[in-house]
Amino acid sequence: MKTEAQDLTPLGKLKGEIDGEFEAFYLAMDADGQLYINRSPSYTKAAYKSADGWELITRNQLSKYEKQLHFIPARKRQMKM
């Protein structure tokens, strides 16, 4: 396991209900293609550092979530002209 923090690329957010309980978390990927989730990311410039509350998740675990939750893709907020 790597000990130094890496920059993560935001993929989006999964949210919805599982067994009557509301579930929501952010999804990101590192440079090696590993997936991470975070249920409460910080709103700082370092929010997408792997050491800042991000947990590693397998693709099998993610596929179980994808069957029950809605995916909202990440997008950059831009000024419209």
PDB file of N, CA and C in Angstrom:
ATOM      1  N   MET A   1       0.837  -1.192   0.000  1.00  0.00           N
ATOM      2  CA  MET A   1       0.000   0.000   0.000  1.00  0.00           C
ATOM      3  C   MET A   1       0.876   1.247   0.000  1.00  0.00           C
ATOM      4  N   LYS A   2       0.478   2.228  -0.755  1.00  0.00           N
ATOM      5  CA  LYS A   2       1.240   3.460  -0.857  1.00  0.00           C
ATOM      6  C   LYS A   2       0.942   4.345   0.351  1.00  0.00           C
ATOM      7  N   THR A   3       1.987   4.984   0.871  1.00  0.00           N
ATOM      8  CA  THR A   3       1.802   5.808   2.055  1.00  0.00           C
ATOM      9  C   THR A   3       1.661   7.289   1.727  1.00  0.00           C
ATOM     10  N   GLU A   4       2.190   7.728   0.600  1.00  0.00           N
ATOM     11  CA  GLU A   4       2.090   9.150   0.274  1.00  0.00           C
ATOM     12  C   GLU A   4       0.775   9.443  -0.449  1.00  0.00           C
ATOM     13  N   ALA A   5       0.279  10.643  -0.250  1.00  0.00           N
ATOM     14  CA  ALA A   5      -1.001  11.040  -0.843  1.00  0.00           C
ATOM     15  C   ALA A   5      -0.824  11.292  -2.338  1.00  0.00           C
ATOM     16  N   GLN A   6      -1.805  10.853  -3.099  1.00  0.00           N
ATOM     17  CA  GLN A   6      -1.820  11.074  -4.546  1.00  0.00           C
ATOM     18  C   GLN A   6      -2.995  11.973  -4.891  1.00  0.00           C
ATOM     19  N   ASP A   7      -2.883  12.644  -6.024  1.00  0.00           N
ATOM     20  CA  ASP A   7      -4.024  13.392  -6.538  1.00  0.00           C
ATOM     21  C   ASP A   7      -5.013  12.410  -7.140  1.00  0.00           C
ATOM     22  N   LEU A   8      -6.291  12.615  -6.851  1.00  0.00           N
ATOM     23  CA  LEU A   8      -7.345  11.773  -7.391  1.00  0.00           C
ATOM     24  C   LEU A   8      -8.146  12.560  -8.415  1.00  0.00           C
ATOM     25  N   THR A   9      -8.667  11.848  -9.393  1.00  0.00           N
ATOM     26  CA  THR A   9      -9.514  12.456 -10.409  1.00  0.00           C
ATOM     27  C   THR A   9     -10.967  12.219 -10.030  1.00  0.00           C
ATOM     28  N   PRO A  10     -11.754  13.271  -9.824  1.00  0.00           N
ATOM     29  CA  PRO A  10     -13.165  13.081  -9.461  1.00  0.00           C
ATOM     30  C   PRO A  10     -13.955  12.457 -10.605  1.00  0.00           C
ATOM     31  N   LEU A  11     -14.758  11.448 -10.286  1.00  0.00           N
ATOM     32  CA  LEU A  11     -15.597  10.792 -11.283  1.00  0.00           C
ATOM     33  C   LEU A  11     -17.056  11.189 -11.150  1.00  0.00           C
ATOM     34  N   GLY A  12     -17.498  11.401  -9.910  1.00  0.00           N
ATOM     35  CA  GLY A  12     -18.886  11.761  -9.691  1.00  0.00           C
ATOM     36  C   GLY A  12     -19.349  11.365  -8.309  1.00  0.00           C
ATOM     37  N   LYS A  13     -20.668  11.271  -8.184  1.00  0.00           N
ATOM     38  CA  LYS A  13     -21.281  10.970  -6.898  1.00  0.00           C
ATOM     39  C   LYS A  13     -22.338   9.890  -7.101  1.00  0.00           C
ATOM     40  N   LEU A  14     -22.422   8.967  -6.168  1.00  0.00           N
ATOM     41  CA  LEU A  14     -23.473   7.958  -6.164  1.00  0.00           C
ATOM     42  C   LEU A  14     -24.369   8.250  -4.978  1.00  0.00           C
ATOM     43  N   LYS A  15     -25.687   8.256  -5.221  1.00  0.00           N
ATOM     44  CA  LYS A  15     -26.588   8.491  -4.105  1.00  0.00           C
ATOM     45  C   LYS A  15     -27.919   7.805  -4.359  1.00  0.00           C
ATOM     46  N   GLY A  16     -28.612   7.501  -3.269  1.00  0.00           N
ATOM     47  CA  GLY A  16     -29.899   6.834  -3.343  1.00  0.00           C
ATOM     48  C   GLY A  16     -30.178   6.084  -2.055  1.00  0.00           C
ATOM     49  N   GLU A  17     -31.097   5.122  -2.121  1.00  0.00           N
ATOM     50  CA  GLU A  17     -31.481   4.342  -0.946  1.00  0.00           C
ATOM     51  C   GLU A  17     -31.059   2.897  -1.098  1.00  0.00           C
ATOM     52  N   ILE A  18     -30.509   2.339  -0.026  1.00  0.00           N
ATOM     53  CA  ILE A  18     -30.184   0.919   0.062  1.00  0.00           C
ATOM     54  C   ILE A  18     -30.842   0.399   1.332  1.00  0.00           C
ATOM     55  N   ASP A  19     -31.769  -0.534   1.181  1.00  0.00           N
ATOM     56  CA  ASP A  19     -32.501  -1.118   2.314  1.00  0.00           C
ATOM     57  C   ASP A  19     -33.157  -0.047   3.191  1.00  0.00           C
ATOM     58  N   GLY A  20     -33.726   0.974   2.557  1.00  0.00           N
ATOM     59  CA  GLY A  20     -34.432   2.013   3.285  1.00  0.00           C
ATOM     60  C   GLY A  20     -33.543   3.074   3.910  1.00  0.00           C
ATOM     61  N   GLU A  21     -32.244   2.957   3.761  1.00  0.00           N
ATOM     62  CA  GLU A  21     -31.298   3.935   4.314  1.00  0.00           C
ATOM     63  C   GLU A  21     -30.698   4.757   3.175  1.00  0.00           C
ATOM     64  N   PHE A  22     -30.611   6.077   3.376  1.00  0.00           N
ATOM     65  CA  PHE A  22     -30.014   6.949   2.374  1.00  0.00           C
ATOM     66  C   PHE A  22     -28.506   6.745   2.362  1.00  0.00           C
ATOM     67  N   GLU A  23     -27.943   6.620   1.184  1.00  0.00           N
ATOM     68  CA  GLU A  23     -26.510   6.422   1.001  1.00  0.00           C
ATOM     69  C   GLU A  23     -26.017   7.400  -0.054  1.00  0.00           C
ATOM     70  N   ALA A  24     -24.907   8.060   0.212  1.00  0.00           N
ATOM     71  CA  ALA A  24     -24.314   8.983  -0.763  1.00  0.00           C
ATOM     72  C   ALA A  24     -22.813   9.057  -0.527  1.00  0.00           C
ATOM     73  N   PHE A  25     -22.054   9.031  -1.606  1.00  0.00           N
ATOM     74  CA  PHE A  25     -20.610   9.176  -1.498  1.00  0.00           C
ATOM     75  C   PHE A  25     -20.038   9.637  -2.826  1.00  0.00           C
ATOM     76  N   TYR A  26     -18.857  10.242  -2.744  1.00  0.00           N
ATOM     77  CA  TYR A  26     -18.135  10.704  -3.921  1.00  0.00           C
ATOM     78  C   TYR A  26     -17.198   9.605  -4.389  1.00  0.00           C
ATOM     79  N   LEU A  27     -16.985   9.535  -5.685  1.00  0.00           N
ATOM     80  CA  LEU A  27     -16.158   8.509  -6.300  1.00  0.00           C
ATOM     81  C   LEU A  27     -15.019   9.186  -7.051  1.00  0.00           C
ATOM     82  N   ALA A  28     -13.801   8.661  -6.872  1.00  0.00           N
ATOM     83  CA  ALA A  28     -12.625   9.206  -7.558  1.00  0.00           C
ATOM     84  C   ALA A  28     -11.685   8.071  -7.946  1.00  0.00           C
ATOM     85  N   MET A  29     -10.746   8.376  -8.846  1.00  0.00           N
ATOM     86  CA  MET A  29      -9.804   7.376  -9.331  1.00  0.00           C
ATOM     87  C   MET A  29      -8.392   7.952  -9.285  1.00  0.00           C
ATOM     88  N   ASP A  30      -7.416   7.090  -8.949  1.00  0.00           N
ATOM     89  CA  ASP A  30      -6.029   7.545  -8.960  1.00  0.00           C
ATOM     90  C   ASP A  30      -5.383   7.245 -10.312  1.00  0.00           C
ATOM     91  N   ALA A  31      -4.104   7.561 -10.441  1.00  0.00           N
ATOM     92  CA  ALA A  31      -3.399   7.385 -11.709  1.00  0.00           C
ATOM     93  C   ALA A  31      -3.237   5.918 -12.093  1.00  0.00           C
ATOM     94  N   ASP A  32      -3.319   5.009 -11.113  1.00  0.00           N
ATOM     95  CA  ASP A  32      -3.190   3.574 -11.374  1.00  0.00           C
ATOM     96  C   ASP A  32      -4.520   2.913 -11.701  1.00  0.00           C
ATOM     97  N   GLY A  33      -5.604   3.664 -11.685  1.00  0.00           N
ATOM     98  CA  GLY A  33      -6.921   3.116 -11.998  1.00  0.00           C
ATOM     99  C   GLY A  33      -7.658   2.539 -10.807  1.00  0.00           C
ATOM    100  N   GLN A  34      -7.147   2.759  -9.594  1.00  0.00           N
ATOM    101  CA  GLN A  34      -7.832   2.279  -8.400  1.00  0.00           C
ATOM    102  C   GLN A  34      -8.939   3.258  -8.028  1.00  0.00           C
ATOM    103  N   LEU A  35     -10.060   2.717  -7.547  1.00  0.00           N
ATOM    104  CA  LEU A  35     -11.220   3.539  -7.205  1.00  0.00           C
ATOM    105  C   LEU A  35     -11.256   3.827  -5.712  1.00  0.00           C
ATOM    106  N   TYR A  36     -11.705   5.029  -5.366  1.00  0.00           N
ATOM    107  CA  TYR A  36     -11.809   5.474  -3.982  1.00  0.00           C
ATOM    108  C   TYR A  36     -13.182   6.090  -3.757  1.00  0.00           C
ATOM    109  N   ILE A  37     -13.693   5.950  -2.527  1.00  0.00           N
ATOM    110  CA  ILE A  37     -14.936   6.616  -2.150  1.00  0.00           C
ATOM    111  C   ILE A  37     -14.690   7.472  -0.916  1.00  0.00           C
ATOM    112  N   ASN A  38     -15.503   8.506  -0.780  1.00  0.00           N
ATOM    113  CA  ASN A  38     -15.446   9.383   0.390  1.00  0.00           C
ATOM    114  C   ASN A  38     -16.851   9.867   0.672  1.00  0.00           C
ATOM    115  N   ARG A  39     -17.338   9.604   1.877  1.00  0.00           N
ATOM    116  CA  ARG A  39     -18.703   9.994   2.246  1.00  0.00           C
ATOM    117  C   ARG A  39     -18.800  11.447   2.709  1.00  0.00           C
ATOM    118  N   SER A  40     -17.695  12.033   3.111  1.00  0.00           N
ATOM    119  CA  SER A  40     -17.735  13.439   3.532  1.00  0.00           C
ATOM    120  C   SER A  40     -16.408  14.128   3.192  1.00  0.00           C
ATOM    121  N   PRO A  41     -16.200  14.457   1.916  1.00  0.00           N
ATOM    122  CA  PRO A  41     -14.949  15.130   1.541  1.00  0.00           C
ATOM    123  C   PRO A  41     -14.908  16.563   2.052  1.00  0.00           C
ATOM    124  N   SER A  42     -13.705  17.047   2.242  1.00  0.00           N
ATOM    125  CA  SER A  42     -13.558  18.443   2.654  1.00  0.00           C
ATOM    126  C   SER A  42     -13.768  19.342   1.439  1.00  0.00           C
ATOM    127  N   TYR A  43     -14.026  20.575   1.680  1.00  0.00           N
ATOM    128  CA  TYR A  43     -14.241  21.533   0.587  1.00  0.00           C
ATOM    129  C   TYR A  43     -13.057  22.480   0.481  1.00  0.00           C
ATOM    130  N   THR A  44     -11.870  21.897   0.476  1.00  0.00           N
ATOM    131  CA  THR A  44     -10.640  22.666   0.338  1.00  0.00           C
ATOM    132  C   THR A  44      -9.979  22.317  -0.984  1.00  0.00           C
ATOM    133  N   LYS A  45      -8.858  22.972  -1.264  1.00  0.00           N
ATOM    134  CA  LYS A  45      -8.129  22.676  -2.493  1.00  0.00           C
ATOM    135  C   LYS A  45      -7.548  21.263  -2.472  1.00  0.00           C
ATOM    136  N   ALA A  46      -7.330  20.712  -1.273  1.00  0.00           N
ATOM    137  CA  ALA A  46      -6.753  19.368  -1.140  1.00  0.00           C
ATOM    138  C   ALA A  46      -7.824  18.299  -0.947  1.00  0.00           C
ATOM    139  N   ALA A  47      -9.041  18.565  -1.365  1.00  0.00           N
ATOM    140  CA  ALA A  47     -10.141  17.618  -1.156  1.00  0.00           C
ATOM    141  C   ALA A  47      -9.924  16.306  -1.890  1.00  0.00           C
ATOM    142  N   TYR A  48      -9.246  16.338  -3.016  1.00  0.00           N
ATOM    143  CA  TYR A  48      -9.037  15.126  -3.805  1.00  0.00           C
ATOM    144  C   TYR A  48      -7.612  14.607  -3.675  1.00  0.00           C
ATOM    145  N   LYS A  49      -7.124  14.509  -2.445  1.00  0.00           N
ATOM    146  CA  LYS A  49      -5.862  13.841  -2.117  1.00  0.00           C
ATOM    147  C   LYS A  49      -6.240  12.508  -1.485  1.00  0.00           C
ATOM    148  N   SER A  50      -5.572  11.430  -1.871  1.00  0.00           N
ATOM    149  CA  SER A  50      -5.963  10.092  -1.418  1.00  0.00           C
ATOM    150  C   SER A  50      -5.860   9.904   0.089  1.00  0.00           C
ATOM    151  N   ALA A  51      -5.088  10.716   0.776  1.00  0.00           N
ATOM    152  CA  ALA A  51      -4.936  10.558   2.222  1.00  0.00           C
ATOM    153  C   ALA A  51      -6.011  11.308   3.008  1.00  0.00           C
ATOM    154  N   ASP A  52      -6.855  12.046   2.364  1.00  0.00           N
ATOM    155  CA  ASP A  52      -7.823  12.913   3.034  1.00  0.00           C
ATOM    156  C   ASP A  52      -9.195  12.249   3.161  1.00  0.00           C
ATOM    157  N   GLY A  53      -9.269  11.091   3.848  1.00  0.00           N
ATOM    158  CA  GLY A  53     -10.547  10.439   4.112  1.00  0.00           C
ATOM    159  C   GLY A  53     -11.046   9.535   3.000  1.00  0.00           C
ATOM    160  N   TRP A  54     -10.266   9.283   1.993  1.00  0.00           N
ATOM    161  CA  TRP A  54     -10.677   8.440   0.873  1.00  0.00           C
ATOM    162  C   TRP A  54     -10.387   6.980   1.191  1.00  0.00           C
ATOM    163  N   GLU A  55     -11.346   6.105   0.896  1.00  0.00           N
ATOM    164  CA  GLU A  55     -11.213   4.669   1.145  1.00  0.00           C
ATOM    165  C   GLU A  55     -11.162   3.934  -0.195  1.00  0.00           C
ATOM    166  N   LEU A  56     -10.271   2.970  -0.283  1.00  0.00           N
ATOM    167  CA  LEU A  56     -10.149   2.148  -1.485  1.00  0.00           C
ATOM    168  C   LEU A  56     -11.360   1.238  -1.610  1.00  0.00           C
ATOM    169  N   ILE A  57     -11.887   1.097  -2.826  1.00  0.00           N
ATOM    170  CA  ILE A  57     -13.043   0.245  -3.084  1.00  0.00           C
ATOM    171  C   ILE A  57     -12.736  -0.616  -4.315  1.00  0.00           C
ATOM    172  N   THR A  58     -13.186  -1.859  -4.300  1.00  0.00           N
ATOM    173  CA  THR A  58     -12.951  -2.741  -5.448  1.00  0.00           C
ATOM    174  C   THR A  58     -14.038  -2.501  -6.490  1.00  0.00           C
ATOM    175  N   ARG A  59     -13.778  -2.944  -7.688  1.00  0.00           N
ATOM    176  CA  ARG A  59     -14.771  -2.798  -8.762  1.00  0.00           C
ATOM    177  C   ARG A  59     -16.007  -3.649  -8.478  1.00  0.00           C
ATOM    178  N   ASN A  60     -15.842  -4.792  -7.818  1.00  0.00           N
ATOM    179  CA  ASN A  60     -16.997  -5.625  -7.448  1.00  0.00           C
ATOM    180  C   ASN A  60     -17.900  -4.906  -6.457  1.00  0.00           C
ATOM    181  N   GLN A  61     -17.301  -4.250  -5.453  1.00  0.00           N
ATOM    182  CA  GLN A  61     -18.094  -3.488  -4.491  1.00  0.00           C
ATOM    183  C   GLN A  61     -18.818  -2.349  -5.187  1.00  0.00           C
ATOM    184  N   LEU A  62     -18.138  -1.683  -6.106  1.00  0.00           N
ATOM    185  CA  LEU A  62     -18.747  -0.574  -6.837  1.00  0.00           C
ATOM    186  C   LEU A  62     -19.917  -1.054  -7.686  1.00  0.00           C
ATOM    187  N   SER A  63     -19.788  -2.210  -8.317  1.00  0.00           N
ATOM    188  CA  SER A  63     -20.880  -2.702  -9.162  1.00  0.00           C
ATOM    189  C   SER A  63     -22.129  -3.003  -8.335  1.00  0.00           C
ATOM    190  N   LYS A  64     -21.969  -3.429  -7.091  1.00  0.00           N
ATOM    191  CA  LYS A  64     -23.127  -3.649  -6.211  1.00  0.00           C
ATOM    192  C   LYS A  64     -23.822  -2.329  -5.898  1.00  0.00           C
ATOM    193  N   TYR A  65     -23.027  -1.284  -5.646  1.00  0.00           N
ATOM    194  CA  TYR A  65     -23.608   0.034  -5.390  1.00  0.00           C
ATOM    195  C   TYR A  65     -24.302   0.579  -6.632  1.00  0.00           C
ATOM    196  N   GLU A  66     -23.703   0.375  -7.799  1.00  0.00           N
ATOM    197  CA  GLU A  66     -24.253   0.924  -9.044  1.00  0.00           C
ATOM    198  C   GLU A  66     -25.627   0.358  -9.376  1.00  0.00           C
ATOM    199  N   LYS A  67     -25.912  -0.848  -8.929  1.00  0.00           N
ATOM    200  CA  LYS A  67     -27.212  -1.466  -9.193  1.00  0.00           C
ATOM    201  C   LYS A  67     -28.331  -0.785  -8.422  1.00  0.00           C
ATOM    202  N   GLN A  68     -28.011  -0.155  -7.272  1.00  0.00           N
ATOM    203  CA  GLN A  68     -29.040   0.406  -6.411  1.00  0.00           C
ATOM    204  C   GLN A  68     -29.003   1.924  -6.292  1.00  0.00           C
ATOM    205  N   LEU A  69     -27.893   2.547  -6.673  1.00  0.00           N
ATOM    206  CA  LEU A  69     -27.746   3.996  -6.507  1.00  0.00           C
ATOM    207  C   LEU A  69     -27.707   4.699  -7.862  1.00  0.00           C
ATOM    208  N   HIS A  70     -27.985   5.990  -7.845  1.00  0.00           N
ATOM    209  CA  HIS A  70     -27.940   6.819  -9.051  1.00  0.00           C
ATOM    210  C   HIS A  70     -26.568   7.480  -9.148  1.00  0.00           C
ATOM    211  N   PHE A  71     -25.995   7.483 -10.348  1.00  0.00           N
ATOM    212  CA  PHE A  71     -24.693   8.103 -10.574  1.00  0.00           C
ATOM    213  C   PHE A  71     -24.879   9.507 -11.114  1.00  0.00           C
ATOM    214  N   ILE A  72     -24.197  10.462 -10.511  1.00  0.00           N
ATOM    215  CA  ILE A  72     -24.211  11.847 -10.963  1.00  0.00           C
ATOM    216  C   ILE A  72     -22.774  12.185 -11.355  1.00  0.00           C
ATOM    217  N   PRO A  73     -22.483  12.351 -12.648  1.00  0.00           N
ATOM    218  CA  PRO A  73     -21.096  12.591 -13.073  1.00  0.00           C
ATOM    219  C   PRO A  73     -20.561  13.929 -12.583  1.00  0.00           C
ATOM    220  N   ALA A  74     -19.248  13.967 -12.365  1.00  0.00           N
ATOM    221  CA  ALA A  74     -18.589  15.203 -11.950  1.00  0.00           C
ATOM    222  C   ALA A  74     -18.506  16.136 -13.145  1.00  0.00           C
ATOM    223  N   ARG A  75     -18.636  17.396 -12.896  1.00  0.00           N
ATOM    224  CA  ARG A  75     -18.487  18.389 -13.969  1.00  0.00           C
ATOM    225  C   ARG A  75     -17.876  19.641 -13.375  1.00  0.00           C
ATOM    226  N   LYS A  76     -17.113  20.295 -14.183  1.00  0.00           N
ATOM    227  CA  LYS A  76     -16.512  21.548 -13.736  1.00  0.00           C
ATOM    228  C   LYS A  76     -17.542  22.647 -13.879  1.00  0.00           C
ATOM    229  N   ARG A  77     -17.576  23.468 -12.897  1.00  0.00           N
ATOM    230  CA  ARG A  77     -18.516  24.592 -12.959  1.00  0.00           C
ATOM    231  C   ARG A  77     -17.859  25.733 -13.728  1.00  0.00           C
ATOM    232  N   GLN A  78     -18.523  26.150 -14.757  1.00  0.00           N
ATOM    233  CA  GLN A  78     -17.987  27.195 -15.597  1.00  0.00           C
ATOM    234  C   GLN A  78     -19.004  28.307 -15.738  1.00  0.00           C
ATOM    235  N   MET A  79     -18.510  29.452 -16.055  1.00  0.00           N
ATOM    236  CA  MET A  79     -19.384  30.577 -16.299  1.00  0.00           C
ATOM    237  C   MET A  79     -19.926  30.460 -17.723  1.00  0.00           C
ATOM    238  N   LYS A  80     -21.228  30.539 -17.876  1.00  0.00           N
ATOM    239  CA  LYS A  80     -21.835  30.466 -19.198  1.00  0.00           C
ATOM    240  C   LYS A  80     -21.911  31.847 -19.810  1.00  0.00           C
ATOM    241  N   MET A  81     -21.674  31.890 -21.089  1.00  0.00           N
ATOM    242  CA  MET A  81     -21.732  33.190 -21.774  1.00  0.00           C
ATOM    243  C   MET A  81     -22.845  33.181 -22.783  1.00  0.00           C
TER     244      MET A  81
END
